[in-house]
Every structure is written in structure tokens, then in C-alpha cells.
Amino acid sequence: DIGIACPPSGEDVLQLNAIVGETLEKYKISNLSECIAGCRSIIKRNYFLFDDDERGKTEKCVNEVIKNAAEKGFSLSHNSTNHPDMKISYDTNEGMSILQKRLKAALDPQEVLA
């Protein structure tokens, strides 16, 4: 499973749901997901369901979900798998920077905090 963090707003959750859903549809991969709400962010956990013969396709799908989410300013919060040989690659620096700016704008719109 992977977890992707987004600001705590309905609009952001809907955008993240669309990113994940469109990518899953493209690869014809099934998943289960849940959202965990905190005061600073919402974590969308995605559990990818696949047979062993779909491993390569699933790797591509997961990596594309992470890349597409990062391009929109969301960040990977965690990655865990029962398949340690899967190659999940991600660079969270850009996505984390964008996420932090969006969180600060949402939580401190008057720019009171440094």
C-alpha cells in the first residue's frame, strides 16, 4: 500500500481521488482505499490488489500514481508492501515542498506564522 498526503480540504481530496482513479483505470488495476483525516493533512491510503502475473503492470501503475500526485503538489507519506522486490521509485522533495506551501496557505491564510 501507499499513502499520499494532501491538505485537509474536500477539493484536494477529490483531486487526489481523480488522480488515483484515472491511473487505476488506465492500468485496469483494482484497489481499496481509505482516507485518514488529521488536523494538518489527509492521508489517502491505497491498497493495490493484483495477481502475481500483474506485478510489472502494478509497479508501473503505483509509480505513475506517485508521479502524478507529486506533480499536483501531493506527497507520498509512506510506502509499505508485502512484495519487497517491487521497484517503487519516488522523489518526494518537489511534492513535499508544494504540499507544505499549500498546507501553510490553508492553515495560515493571514500569514501570521513565520
PDB file of N, CA and C in Angstrom:
ATOM      1  N   ASP A   1       0.830  -1.189   0.000  1.00  0.00           N
ATOM      2  CA  ASP A   1       0.000   0.000   0.000  1.00  0.00           C
ATOM      3  C   ASP A   1       0.867   1.241   0.000  1.00  0.00           C
ATOM      4  N   ILE A   2       0.306   2.319  -0.449  1.00  0.00           N
ATOM      5  CA  ILE A   2       0.974   3.618  -0.375  1.00  0.00           C
ATOM      6  C   ILE A   2       0.015   4.598   0.262  1.00  0.00           C
ATOM      7  N   GLY A   3       0.555   5.592   0.903  1.00  0.00           N
ATOM      8  CA  GLY A   3      -0.234   6.674   1.463  1.00  0.00           C
ATOM      9  C   GLY A   3       0.211   7.971   0.836  1.00  0.00           C
ATOM     10  N   ILE A   4      -0.741   8.789   0.419  1.00  0.00           N
ATOM     11  CA  ILE A   4      -0.425  10.072  -0.190  1.00  0.00           C
ATOM     12  C   ILE A   4      -1.081  11.155   0.653  1.00  0.00           C
ATOM     13  N   ALA A   5      -0.297  12.169   1.032  1.00  0.00           N
ATOM     14  CA  ALA A   5      -0.797  13.247   1.878  1.00  0.00           C
ATOM     15  C   ALA A   5      -1.282  14.409   1.026  1.00  0.00           C
ATOM     16  N   CYS A   6      -2.368  15.022   1.488  1.00  0.00           N
ATOM     17  CA  CYS A   6      -2.879  16.217   0.832  1.00  0.00           C
ATOM     18  C   CYS A   6      -3.412  17.170   1.904  1.00  0.00           C
ATOM     19  N   PRO A   7      -3.586  18.454   1.565  1.00  0.00           N
ATOM     20  CA  PRO A   7      -4.150  19.400   2.527  1.00  0.00           C
ATOM     21  C   PRO A   7      -5.554  18.961   2.949  1.00  0.00           C
ATOM     22  N   PRO A   8      -5.977  19.385   4.141  1.00  0.00           N
ATOM     23  CA  PRO A   8      -7.273  18.938   4.663  1.00  0.00           C
ATOM     24  C   PRO A   8      -8.451  19.709   4.068  1.00  0.00           C
ATOM     25  N   SER A   9      -8.671  19.538   2.783  1.00  0.00           N
ATOM     26  CA  SER A   9      -9.831  20.179   2.144  1.00  0.00           C
ATOM     27  C   SER A   9     -10.504  19.186   1.212  1.00  0.00           C
ATOM     28  N   GLY A  10     -11.809  19.305   1.103  1.00  0.00           N
ATOM     29  CA  GLY A  10     -12.563  18.411   0.230  1.00  0.00           C
ATOM     30  C   GLY A  10     -12.120  18.504  -1.215  1.00  0.00           C
ATOM     31  N   GLU A  11     -11.812  19.710  -1.669  1.00  0.00           N
ATOM     32  CA  GLU A  11     -11.376  19.902  -3.056  1.00  0.00           C
ATOM     33  C   GLU A  11     -10.097  19.128  -3.349  1.00  0.00           C
ATOM     34  N   ASP A  12      -9.156  19.175  -2.404  1.00  0.00           N
ATOM     35  CA  ASP A  12      -7.895  18.448  -2.593  1.00  0.00           C
ATOM     36  C   ASP A  12      -8.109  16.943  -2.587  1.00  0.00           C
ATOM     37  N   VAL A  13      -8.972  16.455  -1.693  1.00  0.00           N
ATOM     38  CA  VAL A  13      -9.252  15.017  -1.645  1.00  0.00           C
ATOM     39  C   VAL A  13      -9.894  14.563  -2.953  1.00  0.00           C
ATOM     40  N   LEU A  14     -10.830  15.356  -3.474  1.00  0.00           N
ATOM     41  CA  LEU A  14     -11.466  14.997  -4.750  1.00  0.00           C
ATOM     42  C   LEU A  14     -10.442  14.976  -5.884  1.00  0.00           C
ATOM     43  N   GLN A  15      -9.532  15.937  -5.890  1.00  0.00           N
ATOM     44  CA  GLN A  15      -8.499  15.966  -6.928  1.00  0.00           C
ATOM     45  C   GLN A  15      -7.593  14.740  -6.814  1.00  0.00           C
ATOM     46  N   LEU A  16      -7.203  14.397  -5.591  1.00  0.00           N
ATOM     47  CA  LEU A  16      -6.355  13.217  -5.387  1.00  0.00           C
ATOM     48  C   LEU A  16      -7.095  11.938  -5.776  1.00  0.00           C
ATOM     49  N   ASN A  17      -8.379  11.839  -5.412  1.00  0.00           N
ATOM     50  CA  ASN A  17      -9.182  10.684  -5.821  1.00  0.00           C
ATOM     51  C   ASN A  17      -9.208  10.543  -7.341  1.00  0.00           C
ATOM     52  N   ALA A  18      -9.341  11.671  -8.039  1.00  0.00           N
ATOM     53  CA  ALA A  18      -9.370  11.637  -9.507  1.00  0.00           C
ATOM     54  C   ALA A  18      -8.039  11.153 -10.070  1.00  0.00           C
ATOM     55  N   ILE A  19      -6.930  11.637  -9.517  1.00  0.00           N
ATOM     56  CA  ILE A  19      -5.596  11.218  -9.975  1.00  0.00           C
ATOM     57  C   ILE A  19      -5.443   9.708  -9.827  1.00  0.00           C
ATOM     58  N   VAL A  20      -5.771   9.207  -8.644  1.00  0.00           N
ATOM     59  CA  VAL A  20      -5.636   7.774  -8.383  1.00  0.00           C
ATOM     60  C   VAL A  20      -6.587   6.985  -9.281  1.00  0.00           C
ATOM     61  N   GLY A  21      -7.847   7.400  -9.332  1.00  0.00           N
ATOM     62  CA  GLY A  21      -8.854   6.680 -10.113  1.00  0.00           C
ATOM     63  C   GLY A  21      -8.530   6.605 -11.592  1.00  0.00           C
ATOM     64  N   GLU A  22      -8.087   7.711 -12.169  1.00  0.00           N
ATOM     65  CA  GLU A  22      -7.754   7.735 -13.597  1.00  0.00           C
ATOM     66  C   GLU A  22      -6.572   6.815 -13.907  1.00  0.00           C
ATOM     67  N   THR A  23      -5.588   6.793 -13.022  1.00  0.00           N
ATOM     68  CA  THR A  23      -4.417   5.947 -13.247  1.00  0.00           C
ATOM     69  C   THR A  23      -4.783   4.472 -13.097  1.00  0.00           C
ATOM     70  N   LEU A  24      -5.581   4.146 -12.082  1.00  0.00           N
ATOM     71  CA  LEU A  24      -6.025   2.762 -11.908  1.00  0.00           C
ATOM     72  C   LEU A  24      -6.826   2.289 -13.116  1.00  0.00           C
ATOM     73  N   GLU A  25      -7.688   3.148 -13.616  1.00  0.00           N
ATOM     74  CA  GLU A  25      -8.499   2.785 -14.786  1.00  0.00           C
ATOM     75  C   GLU A  25      -7.602   2.532 -16.000  1.00  0.00           C
ATOM     76  N   LYS A  26      -6.594   3.377 -16.179  1.00  0.00           N
ATOM     77  CA  LYS A  26      -5.671   3.226 -17.307  1.00  0.00           C
ATOM     78  C   LYS A  26      -5.003   1.847 -17.290  1.00  0.00           C
ATOM     79  N   TYR A  27      -4.592   1.394 -16.103  1.00  0.00           N
ATOM     80  CA  TYR A  27      -3.889   0.116 -15.982  1.00  0.00           C
ATOM     81  C   TYR A  27      -4.818  -1.063 -15.670  1.00  0.00           C
ATOM     82  N   LYS A  28      -6.094  -0.779 -15.474  1.00  0.00           N
ATOM     83  CA  LYS A  28      -7.074  -1.828 -15.131  1.00  0.00           C
ATOM     84  C   LYS A  28      -6.652  -2.564 -13.854  1.00  0.00           C
ATOM     85  N   ILE A  29      -6.266  -1.789 -12.842  1.00  0.00           N
ATOM     86  CA  ILE A  29      -5.848  -2.316 -11.546  1.00  0.00           C
ATOM     87  C   ILE A  29      -6.954  -2.019 -10.531  1.00  0.00           C
ATOM     88  N   SER A  30      -7.216  -2.974  -9.652  1.00  0.00           N
ATOM     89  CA  SER A  30      -8.201  -2.774  -8.584  1.00  0.00           C
ATOM     90  C   SER A  30      -7.483  -2.306  -7.325  1.00  0.00           C
ATOM     91  N   ASN A  31      -8.207  -1.544  -6.509  1.00  0.00           N
ATOM     92  CA  ASN A  31      -7.630  -1.158  -5.227  1.00  0.00           C
ATOM     93  C   ASN A  31      -8.725  -0.917  -4.207  1.00  0.00           C
ATOM     94  N   LEU A  32      -8.319  -0.894  -2.978  1.00  0.00           N
ATOM     95  CA  LEU A  32      -9.157  -0.457  -1.872  1.00  0.00           C
ATOM     96  C   LEU A  32      -8.489   0.801  -1.347  1.00  0.00           C
ATOM     97  N   SER A  33      -9.261   1.768  -0.902  1.00  0.00           N
ATOM     98  CA  SER A  33      -8.629   2.965  -0.362  1.00  0.00           C
ATOM     99  C   SER A  33      -9.423   3.487   0.822  1.00  0.00           C
ATOM    100  N   GLU A  34      -8.750   4.283   1.602  1.00  0.00           N
ATOM    101  CA  GLU A  34      -9.375   4.934   2.741  1.00  0.00           C
ATOM    102  C   GLU A  34      -8.687   6.269   2.949  1.00  0.00           C
ATOM    103  N   CYS A  35      -9.402   7.200   3.557  1.00  0.00           N
ATOM    104  CA  CYS A  35      -8.819   8.493   3.894  1.00  0.00           C
ATOM    105  C   CYS A  35      -8.757   8.613   5.412  1.00  0.00           C
ATOM    106  N   ILE A  36      -7.631   9.060   5.887  1.00  0.00           N
ATOM    107  CA  ILE A  36      -7.425   9.262   7.317  1.00  0.00           C
ATOM    108  C   ILE A  36      -7.227  10.760   7.520  1.00  0.00           C
ATOM    109  N   ALA A  37      -8.146  11.383   8.239  1.00  0.00           N
ATOM    110  CA  ALA A  37      -8.117  12.840   8.413  1.00  0.00           C
ATOM    111  C   ALA A  37      -7.371  13.212   9.686  1.00  0.00           C
ATOM    112  N   GLY A  38      -6.466  14.144   9.549  1.00  0.00           N
ATOM    113  CA  GLY A  38      -5.770  14.734  10.679  1.00  0.00           C
ATOM    114  C   GLY A  38      -5.992  16.236  10.642  1.00  0.00           C
ATOM    115  N   CYS A  39      -5.465  16.945  11.599  1.00  0.00           N
ATOM    116  CA  CYS A  39      -5.670  18.394  11.619  1.00  0.00           C
ATOM    117  C   CYS A  39      -4.797  19.115  10.594  1.00  0.00           C
ATOM    118  N   ARG A  40      -3.718  18.497  10.157  1.00  0.00           N
ATOM    119  CA  ARG A  40      -2.808  19.146   9.214  1.00  0.00           C
ATOM    120  C   ARG A  40      -2.855  18.584   7.811  1.00  0.00           C
ATOM    121  N   SER A  41      -3.307  17.362   7.688  1.00  0.00           N
ATOM    122  CA  SER A  41      -3.360  16.754   6.359  1.00  0.00           C
ATOM    123  C   SER A  41      -4.323  15.581   6.366  1.00  0.00           C
ATOM    124  N   ILE A  42      -4.626  15.126   5.184  1.00  0.00           N
ATOM    125  CA  ILE A  42      -5.420  13.921   4.994  1.00  0.00           C
ATOM    126  C   ILE A  42      -4.526  12.932   4.266  1.00  0.00           C
ATOM    127  N   ILE A  43      -4.485  11.712   4.760  1.00  0.00           N
ATOM    128  CA  ILE A  43      -3.694  10.666   4.118  1.00  0.00           C
ATOM    129  C   ILE A  43      -4.652   9.741   3.383  1.00  0.00           C
ATOM    130  N   LYS A  44      -4.452   9.594   2.089  1.00  0.00           N
ATOM    131  CA  LYS A  44      -5.239   8.649   1.297  1.00  0.00           C
ATOM    132  C   LYS A  44      -4.401   7.391   1.154  1.00  0.00           C
ATOM    133  N   ARG A  45      -4.818   6.325   1.830  1.00  0.00           N
ATOM    134  CA  ARG A  45      -4.116   5.040   1.733  1.00  0.00           C
ATOM    135  C   ARG A  45      -4.732   4.237   0.606  1.00  0.00           C
ATOM    136  N   ASN A  46      -3.889   3.679  -0.226  1.00  0.00           N
ATOM    137  CA  ASN A  46      -4.313   2.894  -1.381  1.00  0.00           C
ATOM    138  C   ASN A  46      -3.711   1.508  -1.283  1.00  0.00           C
ATOM    139  N   TYR A  47      -4.565   0.511  -1.305  1.00  0.00           N
ATOM    140  CA  TYR A  47      -4.136  -0.886  -1.263  1.00  0.00           C
ATOM    141  C   TYR A  47      -4.353  -1.470  -2.657  1.00  0.00           C
ATOM    142  N   PHE A  48      -3.275  -1.789  -3.352  1.00  0.00           N
ATOM    143  CA  PHE A  48      -3.357  -2.285  -4.718  1.00  0.00           C
ATOM    144  C   PHE A  48      -3.515  -3.798  -4.706  1.00  0.00           C
ATOM    145  N   LEU A  49      -4.521  -4.279  -5.402  1.00  0.00           N
ATOM    146  CA  LEU A  49      -4.839  -5.701  -5.438  1.00  0.00           C
ATOM    147  C   LEU A  49      -4.415  -6.267  -6.788  1.00  0.00           C
ATOM    148  N   PHE A  50      -3.564  -7.299  -6.765  1.00  0.00           N
ATOM    149  CA  PHE A  50      -3.110  -7.856  -8.030  1.00  0.00           C
ATOM    150  C   PHE A  50      -2.658  -9.294  -7.861  1.00  0.00           C
ATOM    151  N   ASP A  51      -2.710 -10.025  -8.964  1.00  0.00           N
ATOM    152  CA  ASP A  51      -2.171 -11.383  -9.016  1.00  0.00           C
ATOM    153  C   ASP A  51      -0.686 -11.294  -9.365  1.00  0.00           C
ATOM    154  N   ASP A  52       0.050 -12.356  -9.101  1.00  0.00           N
ATOM    155  CA  ASP A  52       1.489 -12.342  -9.365  1.00  0.00           C
ATOM    156  C   ASP A  52       1.826 -12.019 -10.820  1.00  0.00           C
ATOM    157  N   ASP A  53       0.985 -12.451 -11.749  1.00  0.00           N
ATOM    158  CA  ASP A  53       1.277 -12.173 -13.154  1.00  0.00           C
ATOM    159  C   ASP A  53       1.026 -10.711 -13.526  1.00  0.00           C
ATOM    160  N   GLU A  54       0.489  -9.912 -12.601  1.00  0.00           N
ATOM    161  CA  GLU A  54       0.241  -8.486 -12.849  1.00  0.00           C
ATOM    162  C   GLU A  54       1.259  -7.599 -12.129  1.00  0.00           C
ATOM    163  N   ARG A  55       2.301  -8.189 -11.587  1.00  0.00           N
ATOM    164  CA  ARG A  55       3.271  -7.428 -10.782  1.00  0.00           C
ATOM    165  C   ARG A  55       3.892  -6.270 -11.564  1.00  0.00           C
ATOM    166  N   GLY A  56       4.368  -6.515 -12.770  1.00  0.00           N
ATOM    167  CA  GLY A  56       5.004  -5.461 -13.563  1.00  0.00           C
ATOM    168  C   GLY A  56       4.048  -4.317 -13.860  1.00  0.00           C
ATOM    169  N   LYS A  57       2.832  -4.664 -14.241  1.00  0.00           N
ATOM    170  CA  LYS A  57       1.822  -3.649 -14.530  1.00  0.00           C
ATOM    171  C   LYS A  57       1.497  -2.846 -13.267  1.00  0.00           C
ATOM    172  N   THR A  58       1.443  -3.525 -12.134  1.00  0.00           N
ATOM    173  CA  THR A  58       1.126  -2.850 -10.879  1.00  0.00           C
ATOM    174  C   THR A  58       2.253  -1.902 -10.469  1.00  0.00           C
ATOM    175  N   GLU A  59       3.510  -2.324 -10.649  1.00  0.00           N
ATOM    176  CA  GLU A  59       4.650  -1.439 -10.361  1.00  0.00           C
ATOM    177  C   GLU A  59       4.533  -0.154 -11.168  1.00  0.00           C
ATOM    178  N   LYS A  60       4.250  -0.281 -12.450  1.00  0.00           N
ATOM    179  CA  LYS A  60       4.117   0.899 -13.310  1.00  0.00           C
ATOM    180  C   LYS A  60       2.975   1.785 -12.832  1.00  0.00           C
ATOM    181  N   CYS A  61       1.862   1.176 -12.473  1.00  0.00           N
ATOM    182  CA  CYS A  61       0.697   1.917 -12.016  1.00  0.00           C
ATOM    183  C   CYS A  61       1.008   2.694 -10.729  1.00  0.00           C
ATOM    184  N   VAL A  62       1.600   2.015  -9.746  1.00  0.00           N
ATOM    185  CA  VAL A  62       1.923   2.655  -8.468  1.00  0.00           C
ATOM    186  C   VAL A  62       2.884   3.823  -8.690  1.00  0.00           C
ATOM    187  N   ASN A  63       3.920   3.616  -9.490  1.00  0.00           N
ATOM    188  CA  ASN A  63       4.882   4.689  -9.757  1.00  0.00           C
ATOM    189  C   ASN A  63       4.219   5.863 -10.469  1.00  0.00           C
ATOM    190  N   GLU A  64       3.290   5.582 -11.369  1.00  0.00           N
ATOM    191  CA  GLU A  64       2.602   6.662 -12.069  1.00  0.00           C
ATOM    192  C   GLU A  64       1.667   7.422 -11.125  1.00  0.00           C
ATOM    193  N   VAL A  65       0.985   6.716 -10.227  1.00  0.00           N
ATOM    194  CA  VAL A  65       0.142   7.386  -9.235  1.00  0.00           C
ATOM    195  C   VAL A  65       0.993   8.356  -8.410  1.00  0.00           C
ATOM    196  N   ILE A  66       2.152   7.885  -7.931  1.00  0.00           N
ATOM    197  CA  ILE A  66       3.029   8.729  -7.110  1.00  0.00           C
ATOM    198  C   ILE A  66       3.506   9.939  -7.902  1.00  0.00           C
ATOM    199  N   LYS A  67       3.929   9.721  -9.149  1.00  0.00           N
ATOM    200  CA  LYS A  67       4.430  10.815 -10.002  1.00  0.00           C
ATOM    201  C   LYS A  67       3.325  11.831 -10.274  1.00  0.00           C
ATOM    202  N   ASN A  68       2.139  11.360 -10.645  1.00  0.00           N
ATOM    203  CA  ASN A  68       1.033  12.264 -10.955  1.00  0.00           C
ATOM    204  C   ASN A  68       0.598  13.057  -9.732  1.00  0.00           C
ATOM    205  N   ALA A  69       0.588  12.410  -8.579  1.00  0.00           N
ATOM    206  CA  ALA A  69       0.213  13.102  -7.344  1.00  0.00           C
ATOM    207  C   ALA A  69       1.254  14.176  -6.999  1.00  0.00           C
ATOM    208  N   ALA A  70       2.540  13.846  -7.132  1.00  0.00           N
ATOM    209  CA  ALA A  70       3.604  14.807  -6.829  1.00  0.00           C
ATOM    210  C   ALA A  70       3.534  16.016  -7.757  1.00  0.00           C
ATOM    211  N   GLU A  71       3.193  15.783  -9.022  1.00  0.00           N
ATOM    212  CA  GLU A  71       3.090  16.889  -9.977  1.00  0.00           C
ATOM    213  C   GLU A  71       1.988  17.869  -9.594  1.00  0.00           C
ATOM    214  N   LYS A  72       1.002  17.408  -8.841  1.00  0.00           N
ATOM    215  CA  LYS A  72      -0.099  18.268  -8.397  1.00  0.00           C
ATOM    216  C   LYS A  72       0.124  18.798  -6.982  1.00  0.00           C
ATOM    217  N   GLY A  73       1.297  18.490  -6.409  1.00  0.00           N
ATOM    218  CA  GLY A  73       1.639  19.035  -5.107  1.00  0.00           C
ATOM    219  C   GLY A  73       1.314  18.152  -3.926  1.00  0.00           C
ATOM    220  N   PHE A  74       0.969  16.895  -4.175  1.00  0.00           N
ATOM    221  CA  PHE A  74       0.722  15.958  -3.086  1.00  0.00           C
ATOM    222  C   PHE A  74       2.008  15.181  -2.825  1.00  0.00           C
ATOM    223  N   SER A  75       2.117  14.603  -1.640  1.00  0.00           N
ATOM    224  CA  SER A  75       3.370  13.947  -1.274  1.00  0.00           C
ATOM    225  C   SER A  75       3.121  12.545  -0.739  1.00  0.00           C
ATOM    226  N   LEU A  76       4.025  11.646  -1.040  1.00  0.00           N
ATOM    227  CA  LEU A  76       3.961  10.293  -0.512  1.00  0.00           C
ATOM    228  C   LEU A  76       4.227  10.350   0.982  1.00  0.00           C
ATOM    229  N   SER A  77       3.323   9.786   1.773  1.00  0.00           N
ATOM    230  CA  SER A  77       3.544   9.777   3.224  1.00  0.00           C
ATOM    231  C   SER A  77       4.174   8.473   3.673  1.00  0.00           C
ATOM    232  N   HIS A  78       3.884   7.385   2.985  1.00  0.00           N
ATOM    233  CA  HIS A  78       4.509   6.109   3.318  1.00  0.00           C
ATOM    234  C   HIS A  78       4.331   5.129   2.171  1.00  0.00           C
ATOM    235  N   ASN A  79       5.173   4.119   2.189  1.00  0.00           N
ATOM    236  CA  ASN A  79       5.128   3.054   1.191  1.00  0.00           C
ATOM    237  C   ASN A  79       5.445   1.764   1.927  1.00  0.00           C
ATOM    238  N   SER A  80       4.507   0.841   1.918  1.00  0.00           N
ATOM    239  CA  SER A  80       4.791  -0.460   2.516  1.00  0.00           C
ATOM    240  C   SER A  80       4.231  -1.526   1.588  1.00  0.00           C
ATOM    241  N   THR A  81       4.896  -2.631   1.532  1.00  0.00           N
ATOM    242  CA  THR A  81       4.464  -3.672   0.612  1.00  0.00           C
ATOM    243  C   THR A  81       4.836  -5.044   1.150  1.00  0.00           C
ATOM    244  N   ASN A  82       4.028  -6.010   0.802  1.00  0.00           N
ATOM    245  CA  ASN A  82       4.360  -7.397   1.106  1.00  0.00           C
ATOM    246  C   ASN A  82       5.248  -7.978   0.017  1.00  0.00           C
ATOM    247  N   HIS A  83       5.602  -7.156  -0.942  1.00  0.00           N
ATOM    248  CA  HIS A  83       6.418  -7.571  -2.083  1.00  0.00           C
ATOM    249  C   HIS A  83       7.670  -6.697  -2.124  1.00  0.00           C
ATOM    250  N   PRO A  84       8.672  -6.979  -1.279  1.00  0.00           N
ATOM    251  CA  PRO A  84       9.851  -6.119  -1.198  1.00  0.00           C
ATOM    252  C   PRO A  84      10.645  -6.031  -2.493  1.00  0.00           C
ATOM    253  N   ASP A  85      10.405  -6.934  -3.426  1.00  0.00           N
ATOM    254  CA  ASP A  85      11.132  -6.877  -4.693  1.00  0.00           C
ATOM    255  C   ASP A  85      10.494  -5.894  -5.680  1.00  0.00           C
ATOM    256  N   MET A  86       9.328  -5.339  -5.342  1.00  0.00           N
ATOM    257  CA  MET A  86       8.720  -4.346  -6.238  1.00  0.00           C
ATOM    258  C   MET A  86       9.572  -3.086  -6.229  1.00  0.00           C
ATOM    259  N   LYS A  87       9.753  -2.492  -7.389  1.00  0.00           N
ATOM    260  CA  LYS A  87      10.583  -1.306  -7.516  1.00  0.00           C
ATOM    261  C   LYS A  87       9.688  -0.069  -7.525  1.00  0.00           C
ATOM    262  N   ILE A  88       9.553   0.542  -6.362  1.00  0.00           N
ATOM    263  CA  ILE A  88       8.758   1.755  -6.231  1.00  0.00           C
ATOM    264  C   ILE A  88       9.735   2.910  -6.105  1.00  0.00           C
ATOM    265  N   SER A  89       9.698   3.813  -7.063  1.00  0.00           N
ATOM    266  CA  SER A  89      10.631   4.935  -7.039  1.00  0.00           C
ATOM    267  C   SER A  89       9.851   6.229  -6.905  1.00  0.00           C
ATOM    268  N   TYR A  90      10.392   7.122  -6.129  1.00  0.00           N
ATOM    269  CA  TYR A  90       9.737   8.411  -5.963  1.00  0.00           C
ATOM    270  C   TYR A  90      10.728   9.416  -5.418  1.00  0.00           C
ATOM    271  N   ASP A  91      10.507  10.656  -5.769  1.00  0.00           N
ATOM    272  CA  ASP A  91      11.274  11.768  -5.233  1.00  0.00           C
ATOM    273  C   ASP A  91      10.259  12.684  -4.584  1.00  0.00           C
ATOM    274  N   THR A  92      10.236  12.715  -3.264  1.00  0.00           N
ATOM    275  CA  THR A  92       9.212  13.484  -2.560  1.00  0.00           C
ATOM    276  C   THR A  92       9.599  14.938  -2.354  1.00  0.00           C
ATOM    277  N   ASN A  93      10.799  15.342  -2.716  1.00  0.00           N
ATOM    278  CA  ASN A  93      11.230  16.709  -2.428  1.00  0.00           C
ATOM    279  C   ASN A  93      10.311  17.749  -3.050  1.00  0.00           C
ATOM    280  N   GLU A  94      10.039  17.662  -4.341  1.00  0.00           N
ATOM    281  CA  GLU A  94       9.205  18.660  -5.003  1.00  0.00           C
ATOM    282  C   GLU A  94       7.770  18.597  -4.485  1.00  0.00           C
ATOM    283  N   GLY A  95       7.217  17.405  -4.407  1.00  0.00           N
ATOM    284  CA  GLY A  95       5.845  17.268  -3.922  1.00  0.00           C
ATOM    285  C   GLY A  95       5.704  17.736  -2.487  1.00  0.00           C
ATOM    286  N   MET A  96       6.686  17.424  -1.633  1.00  0.00           N
ATOM    287  CA  MET A  96       6.620  17.847  -0.233  1.00  0.00           C
ATOM    288  C   MET A  96       6.695  19.359  -0.120  1.00  0.00           C
ATOM    289  N   SER A  97       7.526  19.994  -0.898  1.00  0.00           N
ATOM    290  CA  SER A  97       7.645  21.449  -0.869  1.00  0.00           C
ATOM    291  C   SER A  97       6.320  22.113  -1.258  1.00  0.00           C
ATOM    292  N   ILE A  98       5.711  21.618  -2.323  1.00  0.00           N
ATOM    293  CA  ILE A  98       4.423  22.161  -2.767  1.00  0.00           C
ATOM    294  C   ILE A  98       3.362  21.905  -1.707  1.00  0.00           C
ATOM    295  N   LEU A  99       3.343  20.696  -1.139  1.00  0.00           N
ATOM    296  CA  LEU A  99       2.368  20.364  -0.108  1.00  0.00           C
ATOM    297  C   LEU A  99       2.519  21.285   1.097  1.00  0.00           C
ATOM    298  N   GLN A 100       3.743  21.521   1.553  1.00  0.00           N
ATOM    299  CA  GLN A 100       3.958  22.388   2.705  1.00  0.00           C
ATOM    300  C   GLN A 100       3.447  23.798   2.439  1.00  0.00           C
ATOM    301  N   LYS A 101       3.679  24.328   1.256  1.00  0.00           N
ATOM    302  CA  LYS A 101       3.184  25.665   0.914  1.00  0.00           C
ATOM    303  C   LYS A 101       1.659  25.697   0.900  1.00  0.00           C
ATOM    304  N   ARG A 102       1.043  24.648   0.362  1.00  0.00           N
ATOM    305  CA  ARG A 102      -0.419  24.602   0.309  1.00  0.00           C
ATOM    306  C   ARG A 102      -1.015  24.444   1.699  1.00  0.00           C
ATOM    307  N   LEU A 103      -0.374  23.624   2.540  1.00  0.00           N
ATOM    308  CA  LEU A 103      -0.852  23.471   3.915  1.00  0.00           C
ATOM    309  C   LEU A 103      -0.750  24.789   4.678  1.00  0.00           C
ATOM    310  N   LYS A 104       0.370  25.480   4.533  1.00  0.00           N
ATOM    311  CA  LYS A 104       0.544  26.756   5.220  1.00  0.00           C
ATOM    312  C   LYS A 104      -0.508  27.754   4.755  1.00  0.00           C
ATOM    313  N   ALA A 105      -0.774  27.815   3.460  1.00  0.00           N
ATOM    314  CA  ALA A 105      -1.787  28.737   2.947  1.00  0.00           C
ATOM    315  C   ALA A 105      -3.172  28.394   3.475  1.00  0.00           C
ATOM    316  N   ALA A 106      -3.468  27.096   3.594  1.00  0.00           N
ATOM    317  CA  ALA A 106      -4.778  26.675   4.079  1.00  0.00           C
ATOM    318  C   ALA A 106      -4.935  26.920   5.576  1.00  0.00           C
ATOM    319  N   LEU A 107      -3.885  26.669   6.342  1.00  0.00           N
ATOM    320  CA  LEU A 107      -3.965  26.776   7.795  1.00  0.00           C
ATOM    321  C   LEU A 107      -3.612  28.165   8.326  1.00  0.00           C
ATOM    322  N   ASP A 108      -2.921  28.969   7.530  1.00  0.00           N
ATOM    323  CA  ASP A 108      -2.490  30.295   7.962  1.00  0.00           C
ATOM    324  C   ASP A 108      -2.705  31.308   6.828  1.00  0.00           C
ATOM    325  N   PRO A 109      -3.971  31.525   6.410  1.00  0.00           N
ATOM    326  CA  PRO A 109      -4.222  32.395   5.258  1.00  0.00           C
ATOM    327  C   PRO A 109      -3.824  33.854   5.515  1.00  0.00           C
ATOM    328  N   GLN A 110      -3.763  34.289   6.760  1.00  0.00           N
ATOM    329  CA  GLN A 110      -3.370  35.663   7.078  1.00  0.00           C
ATOM    330  C   GLN A 110      -1.851  35.817   7.229  1.00  0.00           C
ATOM    331  N   GLU A 111      -1.123  34.715   7.061  1.00  0.00           N
ATOM    332  CA  GLU A 111       0.341  34.685   7.166  1.00  0.00           C
ATOM    333  C   GLU A 111       0.825  35.253   8.486  1.00  0.00           C
ATOM    334  N   VAL A 112       0.189  34.804   9.574  1.00  0.00           N
ATOM    335  CA  VAL A 112       0.573  35.215  10.918  1.00  0.00           C
ATOM    336  C   VAL A 112       1.824  34.460  11.362  1.00  0.00           C
ATOM    337  N   LEU A 113       1.903  33.185  11.000  1.00  0.00           N
ATOM    338  CA  LEU A 113       3.042  32.350  11.389  1.00  0.00           C
ATOM    339  C   LEU A 113       4.195  32.538  10.405  1.00  0.00           C
ATOM    340  N   ALA A 114       5.405  32.381  10.899  1.00  0.00           N
ATOM    341  CA  ALA A 114       6.580  32.516  10.033  1.00  0.00           C
ATOM    342  C   ALA A 114       6.706  31.360   9.104  1.00  0.00           C
TER     343      ALA A 114
END
